């Protein structure tokens, strides 16, 4: 059964930035773009590097090692060398707090 986990206040993550969190033993990267927040597994599917050490561009996140990119909303692979999508998790804002569903 999925549960909602409170992470941090919205103002603790600036626009265009990302933050690594561990939720129920899972490493996630939370990304903010404008008023939208995204949660993805914090591992590139190519060679298991932390995406939170990589880069964020409009609508995508990139691996720091080989440059594979993934779509923030769906986790879909956008560029090689990765060929598998990365897991995404629902995010919502409640009373100024970022929450993720695991």
Protein backbone atom coordinates (compact mmCIF):
# COMPACT_ATOMS: atom_id res chain seq x y z
CA UNK A 1 0.00 0.00 0.00
CA UNK A 2 1.33 3.43 -0.98
CA UNK A 3 1.85 6.10 1.63
CA UNK A 4 2.39 9.85 1.49
CA UNK A 5 5.62 11.02 3.11
CA UNK A 6 6.20 14.67 4.08
CA UNK A 7 9.64 15.80 2.92
CA UNK A 8 10.33 19.51 3.41
CA UNK A 9 8.79 22.99 3.01
CA UNK A 10 8.44 24.20 -0.59
CA UNK A 11 10.76 27.16 0.04
CA UNK A 12 13.64 24.79 0.90
CA UNK A 13 14.10 23.92 -2.78
CA UNK A 14 14.75 26.76 -5.23
CA UNK A 15 13.46 26.76 -8.79
CA UNK A 16 15.75 24.82 -11.12
CA UNK A 17 17.40 22.91 -8.29
CA UNK A 18 17.29 19.33 -7.06
CA UNK A 19 17.65 17.62 -3.71
CA UNK A 20 18.51 14.06 -2.72
CA UNK A 21 16.26 12.42 -0.11
CA UNK A 22 15.94 8.92 1.32
CA UNK A 23 12.39 7.72 1.84
CA UNK A 24 11.64 4.29 3.27
CA UNK A 25 15.11 3.11 2.27
CA UNK A 26 14.81 4.41 -1.29
CA UNK A 27 17.06 7.18 -2.64
CA UNK A 28 15.05 9.76 -4.57
CA UNK A 29 15.88 13.02 -6.27
CA UNK A 30 13.32 15.82 -5.94
CA UNK A 31 13.44 18.44 -8.69
CA UNK A 32 11.71 21.81 -8.79
CA UNK A 33 10.90 23.58 -12.05
CA UNK A 34 8.75 26.62 -11.51
CA UNK A 35 5.83 25.61 -9.31
CA UNK A 36 6.15 21.93 -10.24
CA UNK A 37 7.98 19.30 -8.23
CA UNK A 38 9.09 15.90 -9.52
CA UNK A 39 10.37 12.80 -7.72
CA UNK A 40 12.49 10.18 -9.46
CA UNK A 41 14.64 7.26 -8.37
CA UNK A 42 18.11 8.69 -7.77
CA UNK A 43 19.93 6.26 -10.04
CA UNK A 44 20.71 6.39 -13.73
CA UNK A 45 19.57 3.15 -15.35
CA UNK A 46 22.73 3.01 -17.45
CA UNK A 47 25.44 2.54 -14.81
CA UNK A 48 23.77 3.36 -11.51
CA UNK A 49 25.20 6.86 -10.91
CA UNK A 50 23.24 9.29 -8.73
CA UNK A 51 21.11 11.60 -10.88
CA UNK A 52 21.18 14.12 -8.02
CA UNK A 53 24.88 14.64 -8.86
CA UNK A 54 23.94 15.46 -12.45
CA UNK A 55 22.17 18.38 -14.09
CA UNK A 56 18.65 19.70 -14.61
CA UNK A 57 17.42 21.38 -17.77
CA UNK A 58 13.94 22.31 -18.93
CA UNK A 59 11.82 19.20 -18.41
CA UNK A 60 14.71 16.78 -17.96
CA UNK A 61 17.41 15.51 -15.64
CA UNK A 62 20.82 14.26 -16.76
CA UNK A 63 23.33 11.76 -15.47
CA UNK A 64 26.68 13.23 -14.39
CA UNK A 65 28.78 10.39 -15.78
CA UNK A 66 27.72 9.69 -19.37
CA UNK A 67 25.06 12.35 -20.00
CA UNK A 68 21.96 10.15 -20.39
CA UNK A 69 18.84 12.27 -19.89
CA UNK A 70 15.38 11.43 -18.59
CA UNK A 71 12.06 13.25 -18.83
CA UNK A 72 11.07 14.59 -15.40
CA UNK A 73 7.35 13.91 -15.67
CA UNK A 74 7.48 10.30 -16.89
CA UNK A 75 11.05 9.14 -16.26
CA UNK A 76 11.33 8.19 -19.94
CA UNK A 77 14.80 7.93 -21.45
CA UNK A 78 15.49 10.87 -23.77
CA UNK A 79 19.10 10.20 -24.77
CA UNK A 80 21.52 7.27 -24.66
CA UNK A 81 23.50 5.56 -23.31
CA UNK A 82 20.59 4.69 -20.97
CA UNK A 83 17.89 2.54 -22.49
CA UNK A 84 15.59 1.92 -19.51
CA UNK A 85 13.27 4.52 -17.98
CA UNK A 86 13.82 5.67 -14.40
CA UNK A 87 11.05 5.24 -11.80
CA UNK A 88 8.94 8.29 -10.94
CA UNK A 89 6.80 8.93 -7.88
CA UNK A 90 3.75 11.16 -7.41
CA UNK A 91 4.45 14.47 -5.68
CA UNK A 92 1.99 16.92 -4.20
CA UNK A 93 2.14 20.13 -2.18
CA UNK A 94 0.00 20.25 0.96
CA UNK A 95 0.05 23.24 3.30
CA UNK A 96 3.39 24.37 1.89
CA UNK A 97 5.06 20.97 2.32
CA UNK A 98 6.39 18.74 -0.45
CA UNK A 99 5.01 15.22 -0.13
CA UNK A 100 5.89 12.10 -2.12
CA UNK A 101 3.86 8.93 -2.54
CA UNK A 102 5.86 5.74 -2.05
